Amino acid sequence: QVLLVESGGGLVQAGGSLRLSCAASGRTFSNYAMGWFRQAPGKEREFVAAISRSGSGTYYSDSVKGRFTISKDNAKNTVYLQMNSLKPEDTAVYYCAADRFSTRSINVDYWGQGTQVTVSS
């Protein structure tokens, strides 16, 4: 079992920044690919960013590419999502995810509880 706990969400004005954190416990952090998804009211959950098990590969949706950065700290068993140049369209609940193989698909092994990000105009 893997427990994922997100933090760092909040309210920010358009153009501002937030950094989300996801702390993992239960199994060896490096055994899993990690990622972030988001879900806005009335919409389906969508992929945002992912990082490979080795940390050598990062992937982003077209909508956030160039603005968001995913990273991880193996010593702290924590993955981060740095969000810059935020837009109102980024408003959603953001979920951390872990998978044995890939987090570029919504069919992942584990989900965090979610953290709300609200971007005002």
C-alpha atoms as a PDB file:
ATOM      1  CA  GLN A   1       0.000   0.000   0.000  1.00  0.00           C
ATOM      2  CA  VAL A   2       1.075   3.558  -0.739  1.00  0.00           C
ATOM      3  CA  LEU A   3      -0.315   6.587   1.082  1.00  0.00           C
ATOM      4  CA  LEU A   4      -0.145   9.924  -0.736  1.00  0.00           C
ATOM      5  CA  VAL A   5      -0.822  13.234   1.011  1.00  0.00           C
ATOM      6  CA  GLU A   6      -0.998  16.476  -0.974  1.00  0.00           C
ATOM      7  CA  SER A   7      -0.497  19.976   0.361  1.00  0.00           C
ATOM      8  CA  GLY A   8       0.172  23.489  -0.900  1.00  0.00           C
ATOM      9  CA  GLY A   9      -3.097  24.341  -2.596  1.00  0.00           C
ATOM     10  CA  GLY A  10      -4.870  27.633  -2.082  1.00  0.00           C
ATOM     11  CA  LEU A  11      -6.179  30.808  -3.665  1.00  0.00           C
ATOM     12  CA  VAL A  12      -3.981  32.842  -5.995  1.00  0.00           C
ATOM     13  CA  GLN A  13      -4.479  35.600  -8.550  1.00  0.00           C
ATOM     14  CA  ALA A  14      -3.963  34.987 -12.247  1.00  0.00           C
ATOM     15  CA  GLY A  15      -0.282  35.199 -13.080  1.00  0.00           C
ATOM     16  CA  GLY A  16       0.754  34.024  -9.641  1.00  0.00           C
ATOM     17  CA  SER A  17       2.475  30.851  -8.487  1.00  0.00           C
ATOM     18  CA  LEU A  18       1.917  27.911  -6.165  1.00  0.00           C
ATOM     19  CA  ARG A  19       3.945  24.845  -5.295  1.00  0.00           C
ATOM     20  CA  LEU A  20       2.137  21.619  -4.519  1.00  0.00           C
ATOM     21  CA  SER A  21       3.761  18.853  -2.509  1.00  0.00           C
ATOM     22  CA  CYS A  22       2.923  15.162  -2.311  1.00  0.00           C
ATOM     23  CA  ALA A  23       4.451  13.090   0.475  1.00  0.00           C
ATOM     24  CA  ALA A  24       4.491   9.325  -0.071  1.00  0.00           C
ATOM     25  CA  SER A  25       4.747   6.533   2.461  1.00  0.00           C
ATOM     26  CA  GLY A  26       4.246   2.776   2.646  1.00  0.00           C
ATOM     27  CA  ARG A  27       6.631   1.570  -0.051  1.00  0.00           C
ATOM     28  CA  THR A  28       9.903   2.550  -1.608  1.00  0.00           C
ATOM     29  CA  PHE A  29       9.342   5.863  -3.348  1.00  0.00           C
ATOM     30  CA  SER A  30      11.696   5.128  -6.224  1.00  0.00           C
ATOM     31  CA  ASN A  31       9.691   2.031  -7.223  1.00  0.00           C
ATOM     32  CA  TYR A  32       6.878   4.197  -8.587  1.00  0.00           C
ATOM     33  CA  ALA A  33       6.317   6.678 -11.317  1.00  0.00           C
ATOM     34  CA  MET A  34       4.660   9.776  -9.875  1.00  0.00           C
ATOM     35  CA  GLY A  35       2.327  12.310 -11.360  1.00  0.00           C
ATOM     36  CA  TRP A  36      -0.313  14.973 -11.013  1.00  0.00           C
ATOM     37  CA  PHE A  37      -3.872  15.086 -12.310  1.00  0.00           C
ATOM     38  CA  ARG A  38      -6.606  17.653 -11.869  1.00  0.00           C
ATOM     39  CA  GLN A  39     -10.380  17.748 -11.949  1.00  0.00           C
ATOM     40  CA  ALA A  40     -12.513  20.855 -12.324  1.00  0.00           C
ATOM     41  CA  PRO A  41     -16.219  20.904 -11.393  1.00  0.00           C
ATOM     42  CA  GLY A  42     -18.283  19.164 -14.048  1.00  0.00           C
ATOM     43  CA  LYS A  43     -15.222  17.903 -15.911  1.00  0.00           C
ATOM     44  CA  GLU A  44     -13.371  14.622 -16.090  1.00  0.00           C
ATOM     45  CA  ARG A  45     -10.061  14.115 -14.364  1.00  0.00           C
ATOM     46  CA  GLU A  46      -7.174  15.006 -16.655  1.00  0.00           C
ATOM     47  CA  PHE A  47      -3.452  14.432 -16.792  1.00  0.00           C
ATOM     48  CA  VAL A  48      -1.190  17.331 -15.823  1.00  0.00           C
ATOM     49  CA  ALA A  49       2.385  16.118 -15.322  1.00  0.00           C
ATOM     50  CA  ALA A  50       4.410  12.974 -14.657  1.00  0.00           C
ATOM     51  CA  ILE A  51       7.908  11.921 -13.698  1.00  0.00           C
ATOM     52  CA  SER A  52       9.421   8.500 -14.360  1.00  0.00           C
ATOM     53  CA  ARG A  53      10.538   6.036 -11.699  1.00  0.00           C
ATOM     54  CA  SER A  54      14.154   6.897 -12.354  1.00  0.00           C
ATOM     55  CA  GLY A  55      13.432  10.605 -12.493  1.00  0.00           C
ATOM     56  CA  SER A  56      15.054  10.821 -15.910  1.00  0.00           C
ATOM     57  CA  GLY A  57      11.869  11.625 -17.783  1.00  0.00           C
ATOM     58  CA  THR A  58       9.232  14.296 -17.252  1.00  0.00           C
ATOM     59  CA  TYR A  59       6.014  14.777 -19.182  1.00  0.00           C
ATOM     60  CA  TYR A  60       3.407  17.525 -19.352  1.00  0.00           C
ATOM     61  CA  SER A  61       0.038  18.187 -20.877  1.00  0.00           C
ATOM     62  CA  ASP A  62       0.079  20.788 -23.625  1.00  0.00           C
ATOM     63  CA  SER A  63      -2.025  23.139 -21.516  1.00  0.00           C
ATOM     64  CA  VAL A  64       0.618  23.448 -18.770  1.00  0.00           C
ATOM     65  CA  LYS A  65       3.852  22.926 -20.689  1.00  0.00           C
ATOM     66  CA  GLY A  66       6.245  25.791 -20.084  1.00  0.00           C
ATOM     67  CA  ARG A  67       4.401  26.909 -16.949  1.00  0.00           C
ATOM     68  CA  PHE A  68       4.461  23.888 -14.618  1.00  0.00           C
ATOM     69  CA  THR A  69       7.442  21.829 -13.473  1.00  0.00           C
ATOM     70  CA  ILE A  70       7.345  18.424 -11.796  1.00  0.00           C
ATOM     71  CA  SER A  71      10.234  17.275  -9.635  1.00  0.00           C
ATOM     72  CA  LYS A  72      10.940  14.864  -6.805  1.00  0.00           C
ATOM     73  CA  ASP A  73      13.179  14.539  -3.780  1.00  0.00           C
ATOM     74  CA  ASN A  74      13.918  10.871  -3.130  1.00  0.00           C
ATOM     75  CA  ALA A  75      15.419  11.574   0.295  1.00  0.00           C
ATOM     76  CA  LYS A  76      12.108  13.098   1.416  1.00  0.00           C
ATOM     77  CA  ASN A  77       9.840  10.729  -0.552  1.00  0.00           C
ATOM     78  CA  THR A  78       8.133  13.804  -1.935  1.00  0.00           C
ATOM     79  CA  VAL A  79       7.074  14.926  -5.396  1.00  0.00           C
ATOM     80  CA  TYR A  80       6.419  18.578  -6.233  1.00  0.00           C
ATOM     81  CA  LEU A  81       4.491  20.533  -8.804  1.00  0.00           C
ATOM     82  CA  GLN A  82       5.695  24.090  -9.279  1.00  0.00           C
ATOM     83  CA  MET A  83       2.936  26.075 -10.970  1.00  0.00           C
ATOM     84  CA  ASN A  84       3.795  29.450 -12.493  1.00  0.00           C
ATOM     85  CA  SER A  85       1.820  31.912 -14.609  1.00  0.00           C
ATOM     86  CA  LEU A  86      -1.414  30.469 -13.291  1.00  0.00           C
ATOM     87  CA  LYS A  87      -4.625  31.009 -15.225  1.00  0.00           C
ATOM     88  CA  PRO A  88      -8.264  30.828 -14.092  1.00  0.00           C
ATOM     89  CA  GLU A  89      -8.560  27.716 -16.288  1.00  0.00           C
ATOM     90  CA  ASP A  90      -6.113  25.980 -13.933  1.00  0.00           C
ATOM     91  CA  THR A  91      -8.691  26.048 -11.129  1.00  0.00           C
ATOM     92  CA  ALA A  92      -9.332  22.461 -10.033  1.00  0.00           C
ATOM     93  CA  VAL A  93      -8.722  19.869  -7.372  1.00  0.00           C
ATOM     94  CA  TYR A  94      -5.214  18.560  -7.934  1.00  0.00           C
ATOM     95  CA  TYR A  95      -4.472  14.908  -7.202  1.00  0.00           C
ATOM     96  CA  CYS A  96      -1.149  13.230  -6.680  1.00  0.00           C
ATOM     97  CA  ALA A  97      -0.818   9.753  -8.201  1.00  0.00           C
ATOM     98  CA  ALA A  98       1.589   6.812  -8.093  1.00  0.00           C
ATOM     99  CA  ASP A  99       1.869   3.861 -10.446  1.00  0.00           C
ATOM    100  CA  ARG A 100       4.190   0.913 -10.929  1.00  0.00           C
ATOM    101  CA  PHE A 101       4.711   1.767 -14.583  1.00  0.00           C
ATOM    102  CA  SER A 102       3.363   5.118 -15.746  1.00  0.00           C
ATOM    103  CA  THR A 103       1.267   8.036 -14.511  1.00  0.00           C
ATOM    104  CA  ARG A 104       0.440   9.405 -17.942  1.00  0.00           C
ATOM    105  CA  SER A 105      -2.792   7.414 -17.868  1.00  0.00           C
ATOM    106  CA  ILE A 106      -5.679   7.986 -15.481  1.00  0.00           C
ATOM    107  CA  ASN A 107      -5.589   4.277 -14.577  1.00  0.00           C
ATOM    108  CA  VAL A 108      -3.015   4.584 -11.804  1.00  0.00           C
ATOM    109  CA  ASP A 109      -2.463   2.378  -8.747  1.00  0.00           C
ATOM    110  CA  TYR A 110      -2.789   5.014  -6.015  1.00  0.00           C
ATOM    111  CA  TRP A 111      -4.389   8.429  -5.535  1.00  0.00           C
ATOM    112  CA  GLY A 112      -3.963  11.149  -2.957  1.00  0.00           C
ATOM    113  CA  GLN A 113      -6.957  12.900  -1.395  1.00  0.00           C
ATOM    114  CA  GLY A 114      -6.618  16.034  -3.507  1.00  0.00           C
ATOM    115  CA  THR A 115      -5.874  19.685  -2.812  1.00  0.00           C
ATOM    116  CA  GLN A 116      -7.882  22.641  -4.102  1.00  0.00           C
ATOM    117  CA  VAL A 117      -6.245  25.230  -6.345  1.00  0.00           C
ATOM    118  CA  THR A 118      -8.289  28.323  -7.142  1.00  0.00           C
ATOM    119  CA  VAL A 119      -7.033  30.992  -9.541  1.00  0.00           C
ATOM    120  CA  SER A 120      -8.949  34.260  -9.553  1.00  0.00           C
ATOM    121  CA  SER A 121      -9.084  36.772 -12.401  1.00  0.00           C
END
